[in-house]
Protein backbone atom coordinates (compact mmCIF):
# COMPACT_ATOMS: atom_id res chain seq x y z
CA MET A 1 2.10 5.18 -3.63
CA ASN A 2 -1.84 4.30 -3.09
CA ILE A 3 -4.25 6.79 -3.83
CA HIS A 4 -8.03 7.39 -2.31
CA GLU A 5 -11.39 6.44 -4.72
CA TYR A 6 -12.48 9.26 -5.67
CA GLN A 7 -8.72 10.55 -6.86
CA ALA A 8 -8.58 7.12 -8.96
CA LYS A 9 -12.07 8.54 -10.61
CA GLU A 10 -11.15 11.60 -11.34
CA LEU A 11 -7.94 10.17 -12.97
CA LEU A 12 -10.05 6.99 -14.69
CA ALA A 13 -12.34 10.14 -15.78
CA LYS A 14 -9.89 11.58 -18.07
CA PHE A 15 -9.85 8.56 -20.32
CA GLY A 16 -13.73 8.11 -20.47
CA VAL A 17 -14.74 5.57 -18.25
CA GLY A 18 -17.92 6.50 -16.80
CA ILE A 19 -18.56 6.95 -13.13
CA PRO A 20 -21.20 7.76 -11.04
CA ALA A 21 -21.19 11.68 -10.47
CA GLY A 22 -19.88 12.41 -6.90
CA TYR A 23 -17.45 14.78 -5.70
CA PRO A 24 -15.09 14.48 -2.15
CA ALA A 25 -15.72 16.74 1.18
CA LEU A 26 -13.28 17.03 4.05
CA SER A 27 -16.35 18.33 7.27
CA VAL A 28 -19.39 17.70 7.28
CA GLU A 29 -20.35 21.21 5.36
CA ASP A 30 -18.85 19.65 2.40
CA ALA A 31 -21.00 16.30 2.56
CA VAL A 32 -24.05 18.41 2.62
CA ALA A 33 -23.13 20.82 -0.36
CA ALA A 34 -21.96 17.67 -2.59
CA ALA A 35 -25.18 16.63 -1.96
CA LYS A 36 -26.72 18.84 -2.94
CA GLN A 37 -25.13 19.17 -6.54
CA LEU A 38 -25.94 15.80 -6.82
CA PRO A 39 -29.62 14.61 -8.38
CA GLY A 40 -30.67 12.24 -5.12
CA PRO A 41 -32.78 10.63 -3.64
CA LEU A 42 -30.11 8.22 -3.02
CA TYR A 43 -26.87 9.21 -1.72
CA VAL A 44 -23.70 7.17 -1.31
CA VAL A 45 -21.22 8.22 2.21
CA LYS A 46 -18.23 6.59 1.66
CA ALA A 47 -14.96 7.21 3.97
CA GLN A 48 -11.92 7.86 2.23
CA ILE A 49 -8.84 5.93 3.25
CA HIS A 50 -6.29 3.64 1.94
CA ALA A 51 -7.65 0.53 2.64
CA GLY A 52 -10.45 -2.30 0.98
CA GLY A 53 -13.14 -3.80 2.70
CA ARG A 54 -14.94 -0.28 3.85
CA GLY A 55 -18.18 -1.47 3.15
CA LYS A 56 -17.83 -4.50 5.84
CA GLY A 57 -15.79 -2.68 8.42
CA LYS A 58 -16.76 -1.06 11.78
CA PHE A 59 -15.51 2.19 13.40
CA LYS A 60 -14.16 1.54 16.71
CA GLU A 61 -15.62 4.56 18.47
CA LEU A 62 -19.56 3.48 17.47
CA PRO A 63 -21.58 0.80 18.71
CA ALA A 64 -20.99 -2.84 17.51
CA GLU A 65 -24.48 -2.35 15.39
CA ALA A 66 -23.25 0.74 13.80
CA LYS A 67 -23.19 0.53 9.71
CA GLY A 68 -19.81 0.16 8.11
CA GLY A 69 -17.72 2.85 6.00
CA VAL A 70 -19.70 2.48 2.52
CA ARG A 71 -23.64 3.97 3.61
CA LEU A 72 -26.70 4.76 1.33
CA ALA A 73 -28.67 7.71 2.72
CA HIS A 74 -32.13 8.63 1.02
CA SER A 75 -32.21 12.20 2.20
CA ILE A 76 -29.22 15.43 2.55
CA ASP A 77 -30.05 14.63 6.21
CA GLU A 78 -29.57 11.68 6.67
CA VAL A 79 -25.89 12.09 4.58
CA ALA A 80 -25.31 14.96 6.89
CA ALA A 81 -25.30 12.24 9.87
CA ASN A 82 -23.81 9.68 8.47
CA ALA A 83 -20.95 12.35 7.70
CA LYS A 84 -20.90 13.55 11.00
CA GLU A 85 -20.54 9.74 12.57
CA MET A 86 -17.68 8.69 10.13
CA LEU A 87 -15.22 11.72 9.91
CA GLY A 88 -12.91 11.96 12.45
CA ASN A 89 -13.27 8.24 13.88
CA THR A 90 -11.15 4.77 13.53
CA LEU A 91 -12.60 2.66 10.75
CA VAL A 92 -10.95 -0.86 10.84
CA THR A 93 -11.26 -3.59 8.28
CA VAL A 94 -9.68 -6.78 7.15
CA GLN A 95 -6.91 -4.56 5.68
CA THR A 96 -6.68 -2.50 8.53
CA GLY A 97 -5.34 -4.48 11.09
CA PRO A 98 -7.14 -3.56 14.06
CA ALA A 99 -5.48 -0.24 14.58
CA GLY A 100 -7.68 0.57 11.80
CA LYS A 101 -7.16 3.95 9.71
CA GLN A 102 -9.39 7.28 11.27
CA VAL A 103 -11.69 9.17 8.28
CA ASN A 104 -10.73 12.08 7.75
CA ARG A 105 -12.02 12.70 4.35
CA LEU A 106 -15.65 11.43 2.34
CA TYR A 107 -16.60 11.03 -0.75
CA VAL A 108 -20.32 11.64 -1.84
CA THR A 109 -21.93 10.18 -4.95
CA ASP A 110 -25.05 9.29 -6.19
CA GLY A 111 -26.90 6.33 -5.92
CA VAL A 112 -26.82 3.89 -9.07
CA ASP A 113 -29.80 1.03 -9.54
CA ILE A 114 -27.59 -1.80 -9.58
CA ALA A 115 -29.31 -4.56 -12.19
CA SER A 116 -25.32 -7.28 -11.74
CA GLU A 117 -22.14 -6.42 -10.14
CA TYR A 118 -18.46 -7.91 -12.04
CA TYR A 119 -14.71 -7.68 -10.76
CA LEU A 120 -11.81 -6.21 -13.22
CA ALA A 121 -8.20 -5.24 -12.83
CA LEU A 122 -4.82 -5.17 -14.25
CA LEU A 123 -1.62 -5.76 -12.88
CA VAL A 124 1.91 -6.52 -13.38
CA ASP A 125 2.89 -10.35 -14.17
CA ARG A 126 5.94 -10.37 -13.36
CA LYS A 127 6.67 -13.58 -14.10
CA SER A 128 4.82 -13.21 -17.80
CA GLY A 129 6.52 -9.95 -17.91
CA ARG A 130 2.97 -8.58 -19.92
CA ILE A 131 0.18 -7.16 -17.94
CA ALA A 132 -2.60 -9.31 -16.57
CA MET A 133 -6.32 -8.16 -16.69
CA ILE A 134 -8.47 -10.09 -13.91
CA VAL A 135 -11.49 -10.29 -15.02
CA SER A 136 -14.91 -11.72 -12.54
CA THR A 137 -18.25 -11.83 -12.97
CA GLU A 138 -18.35 -12.35 -9.59
CA GLY A 139 -18.05 -8.47 -8.49
CA GLY A 140 -18.91 -6.80 -5.02
CA MET A 141 -16.96 -9.15 -2.68
CA SER A 142 -13.11 -10.16 -2.33
CA ILE A 143 -11.67 -11.56 -5.43
CA GLU A 144 -9.72 -13.46 -2.31
CA ASP A 145 -12.58 -15.12 -1.35
CA VAL A 146 -13.92 -15.79 -5.08
CA ALA A 147 -10.10 -17.61 -5.83
CA HIS A 148 -10.85 -20.09 -3.12
CA GLN A 149 -13.96 -20.75 -3.40
CA THR A 150 -15.00 -20.39 -7.20
CA PRO A 151 -11.87 -19.99 -9.25
CA GLU A 152 -13.21 -21.31 -12.12
CA LYS A 153 -15.26 -17.53 -11.99
CA ILE A 154 -11.62 -15.82 -12.44
CA ALA A 155 -10.38 -15.47 -15.84
CA THR A 156 -6.75 -14.17 -16.39
CA ILE A 157 -5.83 -12.36 -19.79
CA THR A 158 -2.33 -11.10 -20.47
CA ILE A 159 -1.41 -8.64 -22.56
CA ASP A 160 2.18 -8.03 -24.31
CA PRO A 161 3.27 -4.23 -24.09
CA ALA A 162 4.95 -4.79 -27.57
CA THR A 163 1.87 -4.97 -28.52
CA GLY A 164 -0.34 -3.38 -26.25
CA PHE A 165 -3.94 -3.97 -26.16
CA MET A 166 -6.08 -5.77 -29.10
CA PRO A 167 -9.75 -6.01 -30.41
CA HIS A 168 -9.20 -9.23 -28.98
CA HIS A 169 -8.88 -8.73 -25.37
CA GLY A 170 -11.75 -6.49 -25.27
CA ARG A 171 -14.16 -9.36 -26.66
CA ALA A 172 -12.04 -12.06 -24.73
CA VAL A 173 -13.31 -9.60 -21.08
CA ALA A 174 -16.87 -9.44 -22.87
CA PHE A 175 -16.77 -12.71 -22.87
CA ALA A 176 -15.69 -13.99 -19.40
CA LEU A 177 -18.38 -11.52 -17.93
CA LYS A 178 -20.53 -12.91 -20.27
CA LEU A 179 -21.98 -10.04 -21.88
CA LYS A 180 -23.52 -9.74 -25.02
CA GLY A 181 -25.32 -7.04 -27.41
CA ASP A 182 -24.59 -3.52 -26.59
CA LEU A 183 -22.92 -4.74 -23.17
CA ALA A 184 -20.39 -6.53 -24.57
CA LYS A 185 -19.10 -3.02 -26.73
CA ALA A 186 -19.22 -1.45 -23.80
CA ALA A 187 -17.31 -3.38 -21.91
CA GLN A 188 -14.80 -3.97 -25.18
CA LYS A 189 -14.15 -0.11 -25.00
CA LEU A 190 -14.14 0.33 -21.13
CA ALA A 191 -11.40 -2.82 -20.85
CA ARG A 192 -9.36 -0.31 -23.71
CA GLN A 193 -9.95 3.00 -21.51
CA LEU A 194 -8.26 0.83 -17.81
CA TYR A 195 -5.90 -0.27 -20.23
CA ASP A 196 -4.99 3.04 -21.58
CA ALA A 197 -4.72 4.74 -18.12
CA PHE A 198 -2.97 1.74 -16.68
CA VAL A 199 0.19 1.85 -19.05
CA ALA A 200 -0.43 6.05 -19.50
CA LEU A 201 -0.04 6.27 -15.38
CA ASP A 202 2.11 3.74 -14.64
CA CYS A 203 0.47 1.80 -12.44
CA ALA A 204 1.49 -1.25 -10.30
CA MET A 205 -2.68 -1.86 -10.34
CA LEU A 206 -5.54 -0.69 -11.25
CA GLU A 207 -8.92 -2.65 -9.38
CA ILE A 208 -12.69 -2.13 -10.57
CA ASN A 209 -14.91 -3.54 -7.61
CA PRO A 210 -17.28 -3.14 -8.95
CA LEU A 211 -17.82 -2.90 -12.16
CA VAL A 212 -22.04 -2.58 -12.02
CA LYS A 213 -24.47 -3.09 -15.12
CA THR A 214 -27.02 -0.61 -14.14
CA GLN A 215 -31.09 -1.07 -14.60
CA GLY A 216 -30.76 0.91 -17.62
CA GLY A 217 -28.47 -1.08 -19.17
CA GLU A 218 -24.81 1.27 -18.56
CA LEU A 219 -21.45 -0.05 -17.59
CA LEU A 220 -20.03 2.24 -14.69
CA VAL A 221 -17.21 1.59 -12.36
CA LEU A 222 -18.76 1.61 -8.41
CA ASP A 223 -15.52 1.55 -6.61
CA SER A 224 -11.74 1.97 -7.85
CA LYS A 225 -8.53 1.49 -6.11
CA MET A 226 -5.45 2.32 -7.87
CA SER A 227 -1.24 1.86 -6.97
CA PHE A 228 2.28 2.95 -8.98
CA ASP A 229 5.26 2.56 -9.55
CA SER A 230 6.62 4.93 -7.25
CA ASN A 231 10.43 4.42 -9.42
CA ALA A 232 8.06 6.53 -11.98
CA LEU A 233 6.09 9.29 -10.16
CA PHE A 234 9.33 11.80 -11.61
CA ARG A 235 7.10 11.41 -14.84
CA HIS A 236 3.53 12.39 -13.19
CA PRO A 237 3.82 15.27 -11.15
CA ASP A 238 0.36 15.38 -11.16
CA VAL A 239 -0.61 12.17 -9.89
CA GLU A 240 2.48 12.62 -7.27
CA ALA A 241 0.59 15.65 -5.41
CA LEU A 242 -2.19 13.37 -4.84
CA ARG A 243 0.15 11.63 -1.99
CA ASP A 244 -1.91 11.87 1.22
CA GLU A 245 0.72 11.18 3.71
CA THR A 246 -1.58 10.90 6.75
CA GLU A 247 -2.54 7.86 5.22
CA GLU A 248 0.99 6.51 5.76
CA ASP A 249 3.00 4.85 8.42
CA PRO A 250 4.57 7.87 9.90
CA MET A 251 8.41 6.16 9.89
CA GLU A 252 7.95 4.38 5.96
CA LEU A 253 7.00 8.05 5.47
CA GLU A 254 10.09 9.51 7.13
CA ALA A 255 12.05 6.67 5.40
CA SER A 256 10.69 7.79 2.16
CA LYS A 257 12.54 11.36 2.74
CA TYR A 258 16.25 10.06 2.77
CA ASP A 259 15.28 7.18 -0.34
CA LEU A 260 14.90 4.28 2.32
CA ALA A 261 13.19 1.13 1.15
CA TYR A 262 11.42 0.64 4.87
CA ILE A 263 8.48 -1.31 5.86
CA LYS A 264 7.46 -1.85 9.33
CA LEU A 265 6.89 -5.28 10.87
CA ASP A 266 5.37 -6.50 14.05
CA GLY A 267 8.58 -7.53 15.64
CA ASP A 268 11.08 -6.61 18.48
CA ILE A 269 14.77 -6.69 16.51
CA GLY A 270 15.36 -3.77 14.08
CA CYS A 271 17.09 -4.56 10.85
CA MET A 272 19.42 -2.26 8.91
CA VAL A 273 20.62 -3.96 5.82
CA ASN A 274 22.31 -3.31 2.42
CA GLY A 275 20.56 -4.55 -0.57
CA ALA A 276 17.36 -6.14 -0.48
CA GLY A 277 17.99 -10.00 -0.72
CA LEU A 278 20.28 -9.61 1.74
CA ALA A 279 17.79 -8.06 4.60
CA MET A 280 15.25 -11.01 3.48
CA ALA A 281 17.94 -13.71 4.50
CA THR A 282 18.38 -11.59 7.18
CA MET A 283 15.02 -11.83 8.87
CA ASP A 284 14.55 -15.07 7.85
CA ILE A 285 17.45 -16.59 9.91
CA ILE A 286 16.14 -13.74 13.02
CA LYS A 287 13.11 -15.92 12.90
CA LEU A 288 15.26 -19.66 12.89
CA ASN A 289 16.90 -18.80 15.59
CA GLY A 290 13.78 -17.74 17.35
CA ALA A 291 12.87 -14.22 17.33
CA PHE A 292 10.66 -11.45 14.61
CA PRO A 293 12.15 -8.78 12.41
CA ALA A 294 10.80 -4.85 13.48
CA ASN A 295 11.65 -3.66 10.50
CA PHE A 296 12.51 -4.45 6.98
CA LEU A 297 14.92 -1.36 6.14
CA ASP A 298 17.61 -1.47 2.81
CA VAL A 299 19.45 1.67 2.70
CA GLY A 300 20.59 0.70 -0.40
CA GLY A 301 24.10 0.05 -2.33
CA GLY A 302 25.65 3.29 -2.18
CA ALA A 303 24.47 5.29 1.29
CA SER A 304 25.82 8.07 2.57
CA LYS A 305 26.65 8.38 6.22
CA GLU A 306 23.96 10.97 6.65
CA LYS A 307 21.48 8.62 4.91
CA VAL A 308 22.89 5.69 7.57
CA THR A 309 22.01 7.79 10.30
CA ALA A 310 18.82 8.73 9.39
CA ALA A 311 18.05 5.01 8.94
CA PHE A 312 19.39 3.80 12.15
CA LYS A 313 17.17 6.86 14.27
CA ILE A 314 14.09 5.71 12.13
CA ILE A 315 14.46 2.22 13.72
CA LEU A 316 15.54 3.77 17.11
CA SER A 317 11.98 5.64 16.79
CA ASP A 318 9.76 2.42 16.81
CA PRO A 319 9.19 1.67 20.22
CA ALA A 320 8.87 -2.38 20.17
CA VAL A 321 12.67 -2.73 18.98
CA LYS A 322 14.49 -4.28 21.82
CA GLY A 323 17.91 -4.86 19.42
CA ILE A 324 19.45 -4.08 16.53
CA LEU A 325 20.98 -6.25 13.86
CA VAL A 326 23.24 -4.32 10.90
CA ASN A 327 24.36 -6.49 7.96
CA ILE A 328 26.30 -4.99 5.54
CA PHE A 329 28.03 -6.19 3.17
CA GLY A 330 29.96 -3.88 1.12
CA GLY A 331 30.56 -3.71 -2.15
CA ILE A 332 29.35 0.33 -3.35
CA MET A 333 29.38 0.78 0.04
CA ARG A 334 32.10 1.26 2.17
CA CYS A 335 32.04 -0.65 5.73
CA ASP A 336 33.52 1.98 7.21
CA THR A 337 30.64 4.62 5.74
CA ILE A 338 27.90 2.30 7.41
CA ALA A 339 30.72 2.17 10.86
CA LYS A 340 30.11 5.79 10.91
CA GLY A 341 27.23 6.35 10.36
CA ILE A 342 26.13 3.81 13.16
CA VAL A 343 28.49 5.58 15.73
CA ALA A 344 27.55 8.97 14.78
CA ALA A 345 23.35 7.96 15.25
CA ALA A 346 24.02 5.35 18.03
CA ARG A 347 25.38 8.77 19.83
CA GLU A 348 22.85 11.26 18.91
CA VAL A 349 19.87 8.96 20.10
CA GLU A 350 21.48 7.62 23.33
CA LEU A 351 21.21 4.15 22.27
CA ASP A 352 19.77 2.10 25.06
CA VAL A 353 19.34 -1.45 23.51
CA PRO A 354 21.78 -4.29 22.08
CA LEU A 355 23.18 -3.31 18.80
CA VAL A 356 24.98 -6.12 17.00
CA VAL A 357 26.89 -5.54 13.48
CA ARG A 358 28.14 -7.72 11.20
CA LEU A 359 30.08 -6.19 8.52
CA GLU A 360 31.99 -7.79 5.37
CA GLY A 361 33.78 -6.27 2.23
CA THR A 362 34.88 -3.14 1.32
CA ASN A 363 37.16 -1.29 4.10
CA VAL A 364 36.21 -4.10 6.34
CA GLU A 365 38.64 -3.39 8.78
CA GLN A 366 38.39 0.13 8.93
CA GLY A 367 34.94 -0.13 9.65
CA LYS A 368 35.46 -2.86 12.65
CA ALA A 369 37.82 -0.59 14.35
CA ILE A 370 35.67 2.46 13.60
CA LEU A 371 33.15 0.90 16.03
CA ALA A 372 35.67 -0.60 18.36
CA ASN A 373 37.27 2.58 19.31
CA SER A 374 33.84 4.38 19.43
CA GLY A 375 33.15 3.42 23.11
CA LEU A 376 29.96 2.30 22.52
CA PRO A 377 29.03 -0.96 23.65
CA ILE A 378 28.82 -2.18 20.02
CA ILE A 379 28.74 -6.10 20.02
CA SER A 380 30.82 -7.72 16.28
CA ALA A 381 29.54 -10.53 14.58
CA GLU A 382 31.87 -12.61 12.27
CA ASP A 383 28.99 -13.77 9.74
CA LEU A 384 25.20 -13.47 9.53
CA GLY A 385 24.78 -16.90 11.80
CA ASP A 386 26.87 -15.29 14.77
CA ALA A 387 25.24 -11.95 14.64
CA ALA A 388 21.31 -13.61 14.39
CA LYS A 389 21.84 -15.83 17.82
CA LYS A 390 24.10 -12.65 19.41
CA ILE A 391 21.26 -9.96 19.30
CA VAL A 392 18.61 -12.71 20.10
CA ALA A 393 19.91 -13.63 23.23
CA GLU A 394 20.77 -10.40 23.66
CA VAL A 395 17.14 -9.36 23.47
CA LYS A 396 15.99 -12.24 25.24
CA GLN A 397 18.56 -11.63 28.07
CA ALA A 398 17.44 -7.98 28.38
CA ALA A 399 13.49 -9.32 28.38
């Protein structure tokens, strides 16, 4: 689960992290009221969307020369003018894709006199089973660009969760940022605070870009991005309450209500599979046969008939879908349960695209019989290779 920048900063402030003063705004009036609470004379008006690259982004509805999603304002009137331009318009960045995201929230913060910019992030390193702290002196720009152009400027510090954050980790961060004296001590303290927040909140990622040194010699978090392990949200109702459903794909949001793992993709063959590995193999074999999957959808190992019906309806709600491939290996999941869900969903939504089903495993014969006796134009496949060839051929024939 992702949250907005201002929400991330509010959470980090509870751990003692230094952030510039700022207030969220849902309207031009809110933005003006926020600016009046700040000392000025420099303000920053930031679009709040779940995507990076906002500063270099462009609004679809505005002229090409218009400013992006992060703007400086030298008066309250400028704050109001920027808020009026940004709210309700669609911001396109390198991370949103061409469709962009509509800006429904702003964050108005106090301006900062920046002396230097740095990068600091925490991630779960699955390979080592540790928390990785990524540090660079090249803040304020894409870390991917830094990794490509000057990889030697990125340092990775791994922290064993069994021992936790130790003083030498903080010193390594300060050294990587080339800070000395009081600033080095401040960096060590900040690194510890960020680690504590990362662990306590069950984060999947915590990115600070940029972390800035001010002209007055302070370290402040100027921008922050946080995402959380969805499996741990039951421990954090306060974090779960920060979820902004308007930022999520409607189909992915609907799938989450049924505990379905669904991700929309750019192809035209819908997939319903049980098991993440089998789902990946199914998408691969579709591409091997010259087509592209429209989604990743894992119904899990113990799905009910109702869950399968919901999954099927979500796939069919995508107008890009020209055909559906169902690939089920019945271990815990019974093939007859899947078959009943497929038949129920196909009848409810009036199926009008080719459907190929491959079933194998527990109660497979009962499942095949349910499909065969349904009276629906369901194409049966013997194995995964056969299923992929049949659905690709059906979609191409219908095109």
